[in-house]
Each structure stands twice: as C-alpha cells, then as structure tokens.
C-alpha cells in the first residue's frame, strides 16, 4: 500500500480513555456515526471537521479522544 493510500484510508483516530480501545476511521461522518452508535455521543460531522482542521489538535468528549492523523 502506498503512503497516499494509507493517508486516505486512515484519517481519524478514536481512543476510548476508559477501556484503552482505539479505532481508526476514514471520514468525519464515520467518526460521528461511530460515536453515536458505540458511545451514544452526539456531535455533528461538521463540528468534528471544523475543530480538528482549524481550531484544536484533538477533541475530547466524555473520555473519548478524537484526533486527525493527516
């Protein structure tokens, strides 16, 4: 796999600080969907995109850390 393919497919890191589990997803919409389905945390994909790309390096919600990798 080329570096560009890796950067395209593995973009967002999600870490559960309570259990130590981690997940990597491709899009901000998948982050939103994962948070909603797994942890019952409701945030919009635009909130995730705006905060990670322009405001903050990470988002921390209820012990769940979200980081934009590339």
N, C-alpha and C. Protein backbone atom coordinates (compact mmCIF):
# COMPACT_ATOMS: atom_id res chain seq x y z
N UNK A 1 0.85 -1.18 0.00
CA UNK A 1 0.00 0.00 0.00
C UNK A 1 0.90 1.24 0.00
N UNK A 2 0.58 2.18 -0.84
CA UNK A 2 1.32 3.43 -0.93
C UNK A 2 0.97 4.36 0.22
N UNK A 3 1.86 5.28 0.52
CA UNK A 3 1.64 6.23 1.61
C UNK A 3 0.38 7.06 1.38
N UNK A 4 0.12 7.48 0.16
CA UNK A 4 -1.08 8.26 -0.13
C UNK A 4 -2.35 7.47 0.15
N UNK A 5 -2.34 6.17 -0.16
CA UNK A 5 -3.50 5.32 0.13
C UNK A 5 -3.71 5.19 1.64
N UNK A 6 -2.63 5.05 2.36
CA UNK A 6 -2.72 4.95 3.82
C UNK A 6 -3.30 6.23 4.40
N UNK A 7 -2.81 7.37 3.95
CA UNK A 7 -3.32 8.65 4.44
C UNK A 7 -4.78 8.85 4.10
N UNK A 8 -5.20 8.33 2.96
CA UNK A 8 -6.58 8.47 2.53
C UNK A 8 -7.52 7.58 3.34
N UNK A 9 -7.07 6.37 3.67
CA UNK A 9 -7.93 5.40 4.34
C UNK A 9 -7.91 5.47 5.85
N UNK A 10 -6.85 5.99 6.44
CA UNK A 10 -6.71 6.03 7.89
C UNK A 10 -6.52 7.46 8.33
N UNK A 11 -7.62 8.18 8.55
CA UNK A 11 -7.54 9.61 8.79
C UNK A 11 -7.82 10.04 10.22
N UNK A 12 -8.77 9.41 10.88
CA UNK A 12 -9.19 9.83 12.21
C UNK A 12 -8.94 8.72 13.23
N UNK A 13 -8.29 9.07 14.31
CA UNK A 13 -8.02 8.13 15.40
C UNK A 13 -8.99 8.41 16.54
N UNK A 14 -9.64 7.36 17.04
CA UNK A 14 -10.58 7.47 18.15
C UNK A 14 -10.05 6.59 19.27
N UNK A 15 -9.83 7.17 20.44
CA UNK A 15 -9.32 6.41 21.58
C UNK A 15 -10.29 6.54 22.75
N UNK A 16 -10.69 5.41 23.30
CA UNK A 16 -11.52 5.38 24.49
C UNK A 16 -10.58 5.34 25.69
N UNK A 17 -10.50 6.42 26.43
CA UNK A 17 -9.55 6.51 27.55
C UNK A 17 -9.96 5.63 28.73
N UNK A 18 -11.21 5.21 28.76
CA UNK A 18 -11.69 4.35 29.85
C UNK A 18 -11.25 2.90 29.65
N UNK A 19 -11.39 2.41 28.43
CA UNK A 19 -11.10 1.00 28.17
C UNK A 19 -9.76 0.79 27.46
N UNK A 20 -9.20 1.85 26.88
CA UNK A 20 -7.95 1.73 26.15
C UNK A 20 -8.13 1.26 24.72
N UNK A 21 -9.36 1.10 24.27
CA UNK A 21 -9.62 0.67 22.90
C UNK A 21 -9.36 1.84 21.95
N UNK A 22 -8.92 1.50 20.73
CA UNK A 22 -8.72 2.53 19.72
C UNK A 22 -9.29 2.05 18.39
N UNK A 23 -9.68 3.03 17.58
CA UNK A 23 -10.28 2.75 16.28
C UNK A 23 -9.77 3.80 15.31
N UNK A 24 -9.65 3.43 14.05
CA UNK A 24 -9.26 4.38 13.01
C UNK A 24 -10.34 4.33 11.94
N UNK A 25 -10.83 5.51 11.55
CA UNK A 25 -11.85 5.58 10.51
C UNK A 25 -11.43 6.56 9.43
N UNK A 26 -12.13 6.49 8.32
CA UNK A 26 -11.74 7.22 7.12
C UNK A 26 -12.30 8.65 7.05
N UNK A 27 -13.53 8.87 7.50
CA UNK A 27 -14.17 10.17 7.32
C UNK A 27 -14.75 10.71 8.62
N UNK A 28 -15.00 12.01 8.63
CA UNK A 28 -15.62 12.63 9.79
C UNK A 28 -17.05 12.14 9.99
N UNK A 29 -17.72 11.77 8.93
CA UNK A 29 -19.07 11.21 9.04
C UNK A 29 -19.04 9.85 9.73
N UNK A 30 -18.01 9.06 9.44
CA UNK A 30 -17.87 7.77 10.11
C UNK A 30 -17.52 7.94 11.58
N UNK A 31 -16.77 8.99 11.91
CA UNK A 31 -16.48 9.30 13.31
C UNK A 31 -17.78 9.60 14.04
N UNK A 32 -18.60 10.47 13.46
CA UNK A 32 -19.88 10.83 14.06
C UNK A 32 -20.75 9.59 14.25
N UNK A 33 -20.85 8.77 13.23
CA UNK A 33 -21.66 7.57 13.29
C UNK A 33 -21.14 6.60 14.35
N UNK A 34 -19.84 6.43 14.42
CA UNK A 34 -19.23 5.54 15.40
C UNK A 34 -19.51 6.03 16.82
N UNK A 35 -19.33 7.32 17.07
CA UNK A 35 -19.57 7.88 18.40
C UNK A 35 -21.02 7.72 18.82
N UNK A 36 -21.91 7.96 17.87
CA UNK A 36 -23.34 7.87 18.17
C UNK A 36 -23.76 6.43 18.45
N UNK A 37 -23.29 5.50 17.63
CA UNK A 37 -23.71 4.09 17.78
C UNK A 37 -23.01 3.38 18.92
N UNK A 38 -21.76 3.71 19.19
CA UNK A 38 -20.98 2.98 20.19
C UNK A 38 -21.07 3.61 21.57
N UNK A 39 -20.99 4.94 21.63
CA UNK A 39 -20.91 5.62 22.93
C UNK A 39 -22.09 6.52 23.24
N UNK A 40 -23.07 6.59 22.34
CA UNK A 40 -24.23 7.45 22.50
C UNK A 40 -23.81 8.92 22.70
N UNK A 41 -22.78 9.33 21.97
CA UNK A 41 -22.30 10.72 21.98
C UNK A 41 -22.75 11.35 20.67
N UNK A 42 -23.45 12.47 20.78
CA UNK A 42 -24.00 13.11 19.60
C UNK A 42 -23.22 14.39 19.26
N UNK A 43 -22.47 14.34 18.18
CA UNK A 43 -21.79 15.52 17.63
C UNK A 43 -21.95 15.47 16.12
N UNK A 44 -21.95 16.61 15.49
CA UNK A 44 -22.09 16.64 14.03
C UNK A 44 -20.73 16.41 13.37
N UNK A 45 -20.78 15.93 12.13
CA UNK A 45 -19.54 15.74 11.41
C UNK A 45 -18.87 17.08 11.12
N UNK A 46 -19.65 18.12 10.96
CA UNK A 46 -19.08 19.46 10.72
C UNK A 46 -18.36 19.98 11.97
N UNK A 47 -18.88 19.69 13.15
CA UNK A 47 -18.19 20.05 14.40
C UNK A 47 -16.83 19.37 14.45
N UNK A 48 -16.81 18.10 14.11
CA UNK A 48 -15.55 17.34 14.11
C UNK A 48 -14.59 17.94 13.11
N UNK A 49 -15.04 18.18 11.89
CA UNK A 49 -14.18 18.71 10.83
C UNK A 49 -13.64 20.09 11.21
N UNK A 50 -14.50 20.98 11.64
CA UNK A 50 -14.06 22.35 11.97
C UNK A 50 -13.08 22.38 13.12
N UNK A 51 -13.36 21.63 14.15
CA UNK A 51 -12.50 21.66 15.33
C UNK A 51 -11.16 20.98 15.11
N UNK A 52 -11.13 19.92 14.35
CA UNK A 52 -9.86 19.23 14.14
C UNK A 52 -9.00 19.89 13.07
N UNK A 53 -9.61 20.49 12.08
CA UNK A 53 -8.82 21.07 10.99
C UNK A 53 -8.46 22.53 11.22
N UNK A 54 -9.18 23.23 12.07
CA UNK A 54 -8.90 24.66 12.22
C UNK A 54 -8.66 25.11 13.65
N UNK A 55 -9.34 24.53 14.62
CA UNK A 55 -9.30 25.06 15.98
C UNK A 55 -8.35 24.28 16.88
N UNK A 56 -8.59 23.01 17.03
CA UNK A 56 -7.87 22.19 18.01
C UNK A 56 -7.12 21.06 17.32
N UNK A 57 -6.20 20.50 18.06
CA UNK A 57 -5.47 19.33 17.60
C UNK A 57 -6.25 18.05 17.90
N UNK A 58 -7.04 18.07 18.96
CA UNK A 58 -7.83 16.90 19.37
C UNK A 58 -9.18 17.37 19.91
N UNK A 59 -10.13 16.44 19.96
CA UNK A 59 -11.42 16.67 20.61
C UNK A 59 -11.53 15.62 21.70
N UNK A 60 -11.95 16.04 22.89
CA UNK A 60 -12.15 15.12 24.00
C UNK A 60 -13.60 15.25 24.47
N UNK A 61 -14.36 14.19 24.32
CA UNK A 61 -15.76 14.16 24.75
C UNK A 61 -16.00 12.93 25.60
N UNK A 62 -16.37 13.13 26.85
CA UNK A 62 -16.74 12.04 27.76
C UNK A 62 -15.69 10.93 27.78
N UNK A 63 -14.43 11.30 27.77
CA UNK A 63 -13.35 10.32 27.83
C UNK A 63 -12.97 9.71 26.49
N UNK A 64 -13.59 10.19 25.41
CA UNK A 64 -13.28 9.70 24.08
C UNK A 64 -12.45 10.77 23.37
N UNK A 65 -11.26 10.41 22.95
CA UNK A 65 -10.35 11.34 22.29
C UNK A 65 -10.41 11.10 20.78
N UNK A 66 -10.53 12.18 20.01
CA UNK A 66 -10.58 12.10 18.56
C UNK A 66 -9.45 12.95 18.02
N UNK A 67 -8.66 12.39 17.12
CA UNK A 67 -7.50 13.10 16.57
C UNK A 67 -7.46 12.90 15.07
N UNK A 68 -7.20 13.99 14.34
CA UNK A 68 -6.98 13.94 12.91
C UNK A 68 -5.52 13.55 12.69
N UNK A 69 -5.28 12.46 11.97
CA UNK A 69 -3.92 11.98 11.78
C UNK A 69 -3.16 12.74 10.69
N UNK A 70 -3.77 12.98 9.57
CA UNK A 70 -3.09 13.65 8.45
C UNK A 70 -3.91 14.83 8.00
